[in-house]
C-alpha atoms as a PDB file:
ATOM      1  CA  MET A   1      16.735 -32.327   7.710  1.00  0.00           C
ATOM      2  CA  VAL A   2      17.437 -28.778   8.878  1.00  0.00           C
ATOM      3  CA  SER A   3      18.226 -26.084   6.341  1.00  0.00           C
ATOM      4  CA  ALA A   4      19.880 -22.784   7.316  1.00  0.00           C
ATOM      5  CA  VAL A   5      19.796 -19.596   5.295  1.00  0.00           C
ATOM      6  CA  GLN A   6      22.058 -16.637   5.923  1.00  0.00           C
ATOM      7  CA  GLY A   7      20.329 -13.267   5.962  1.00  0.00           C
ATOM      8  CA  VAL A   8      20.030  -9.798   7.423  1.00  0.00           C
ATOM      9  CA  ILE A   9      17.121  -8.341   9.370  1.00  0.00           C
ATOM     10  CA  PHE A  10      15.811  -5.047   7.985  1.00  0.00           C
ATOM     11  CA  LYS A  11      13.930  -2.977  10.566  1.00  0.00           C
ATOM     12  CA  CYS A  12      11.720  -0.349   8.943  1.00  0.00           C
ATOM     13  CA  ASP A  13       8.358   1.356   9.163  1.00  0.00           C
ATOM     14  CA  VAL A  14       5.316  -0.069   7.377  1.00  0.00           C
ATOM     15  CA  PRO A  15       5.435   2.165   4.255  1.00  0.00           C
ATOM     16  CA  LEU A  16       9.114   1.386   3.677  1.00  0.00           C
ATOM     17  CA  LYS A  17       8.455  -2.312   4.218  1.00  0.00           C
ATOM     18  CA  GLU A  18       5.739  -2.182   1.551  1.00  0.00           C
ATOM     19  CA  TYR A  19       8.186  -0.491  -0.841  1.00  0.00           C
ATOM     20  CA  ILE A  20      10.785  -3.221  -0.218  1.00  0.00           C
ATOM     21  CA  ARG A  21       8.090  -5.877  -0.746  1.00  0.00           C
ATOM     22  CA  SER A  22       7.178  -4.242  -4.076  1.00  0.00           C
ATOM     23  CA  LEU A  23      10.835  -4.451  -5.144  1.00  0.00           C
ATOM     24  CA  ASP A  24      10.849  -8.145  -4.260  1.00  0.00           C
ATOM     25  CA  ASP A  25       7.560  -8.732  -6.094  1.00  0.00           C
ATOM     26  CA  ALA A  26       8.977  -7.080  -9.239  1.00  0.00           C
ATOM     27  CA  ALA A  27      12.146  -9.207  -9.171  1.00  0.00           C
ATOM     28  CA  SER A  28      12.490 -12.419 -11.140  1.00  0.00           C
ATOM     29  CA  ALA A  29      12.333 -15.705  -9.231  1.00  0.00           C
ATOM     30  CA  ALA A  30      16.132 -15.970  -9.155  1.00  0.00           C
ATOM     31  CA  GLU A  31      16.507 -12.415  -7.831  1.00  0.00           C
ATOM     32  CA  LYS A  32      13.899 -12.512  -5.048  1.00  0.00           C
ATOM     33  CA  PHE A  33      15.530 -11.430  -1.786  1.00  0.00           C
ATOM     34  CA  ILE A  34      12.942 -11.550   1.010  1.00  0.00           C
ATOM     35  CA  ILE A  35      13.377 -14.781   2.935  1.00  0.00           C
ATOM     36  CA  ALA A  36      10.664 -14.071   5.506  1.00  0.00           C
ATOM     37  CA  GLU A  37       8.443 -11.313   6.858  1.00  0.00           C
ATOM     38  CA  LEU A  38       9.031 -11.502  10.594  1.00  0.00           C
ATOM     39  CA  ASP A  39       6.418  -8.938  11.677  1.00  0.00           C
ATOM     40  CA  ASP A  40       5.022  -5.526  10.709  1.00  0.00           C
ATOM     41  CA  GLN A  41       8.443  -3.854  10.901  1.00  0.00           C
ATOM     42  CA  ASN A  42      11.031  -6.567  10.205  1.00  0.00           C
ATOM     43  CA  LEU A  43      12.074  -8.381   7.049  1.00  0.00           C
ATOM     44  CA  PHE A  44      14.651 -11.150   6.752  1.00  0.00           C
ATOM     45  CA  VAL A  45      16.616 -10.531   3.535  1.00  0.00           C
ATOM     46  CA  LYS A  46      19.273 -12.549   1.663  1.00  0.00           C
ATOM     47  CA  VAL A  47      22.808 -11.334   2.392  1.00  0.00           C
ATOM     48  CA  ALA A  48      23.712 -11.274  -1.319  1.00  0.00           C
ATOM     49  CA  ARG A  49      21.005  -8.641  -2.035  1.00  0.00           C
ATOM     50  CA  VAL A  50      21.544  -6.304   0.954  1.00  0.00           C
ATOM     51  CA  GLU A  51      23.518  -3.708  -1.046  1.00  0.00           C
ATOM     52  CA  PHE A  52      20.825  -3.668  -3.749  1.00  0.00           C
ATOM     53  CA  VAL A  53      18.044  -3.149  -1.206  1.00  0.00           C
ATOM     54  CA  GLU A  54      19.977  -0.443   0.648  1.00  0.00           C
ATOM     55  CA  ALA A  55      20.661   1.430  -2.620  1.00  0.00           C
ATOM     56  CA  LYS A  56      17.002   1.277  -3.670  1.00  0.00           C
ATOM     57  CA  VAL A  57      15.834   2.428  -0.219  1.00  0.00           C
ATOM     58  CA  LYS A  58      18.301   5.329  -0.333  1.00  0.00           C
ATOM     59  CA  GLN A  59      16.965   6.368  -3.762  1.00  0.00           C
ATOM     60  CA  PHE A  60      13.388   6.103  -2.474  1.00  0.00           C
ATOM     61  CA  VAL A  61      14.082   8.183   0.634  1.00  0.00           C
ATOM     62  CA  ASN A  62      16.011  10.820  -1.336  1.00  0.00           C
ATOM     63  CA  ALA A  63      13.141  11.125  -3.812  1.00  0.00           C
ATOM     64  CA  LEU A  64      10.811  11.939  -0.903  1.00  0.00           C
ATOM     65  CA  HIS A  65      13.134  14.526   0.646  1.00  0.00           C
ATOM     66  CA  PHE A  66      12.219  18.119  -0.082  1.00  0.00           C
ATOM     67  CA  THR A  67      14.044  21.283   0.827  1.00  0.00           C
ATOM     68  CA  LYS A  68      12.482  24.681   1.277  1.00  0.00           C
ATOM     69  CA  PRO A  69      13.370  26.911  -1.667  1.00  0.00           C
ATOM     70  CA  GLU A  70      15.453  29.892  -0.737  1.00  0.00           C
ATOM     71  CA  VAL A  71      13.729  33.239  -1.116  1.00  0.00           C
ATOM     72  CA  ALA A  72      15.721  36.325  -1.990  1.00  0.00           C
ATOM     73  CA  PRO A  73      15.490  39.190   0.515  1.00  0.00           C
ATOM     74  CA  GLY A  74      12.394  41.310  -0.077  1.00  0.00           C
ATOM     75  CA  GLN A  75      10.481  38.540  -1.951  1.00  0.00           C
ATOM     76  CA  ALA A  76       8.514  37.160   0.979  1.00  0.00           C
END
């Protein structure tokens, strides 16, 4: 018998994929969201958990974003 699962493909670089995998590994069995790892840059994720994954990725990316501090004139 054939079984179909609805999901979304996440395309990302390897470090981000590893972060998403760590989120899935930390989740309880009922909350696991990775259906399949398609290749080095693509994950197939459950539709019901897409918003959660996107929010966590956004937090992760924002935490890695740095801005150059502004220097007052004459303080170079």
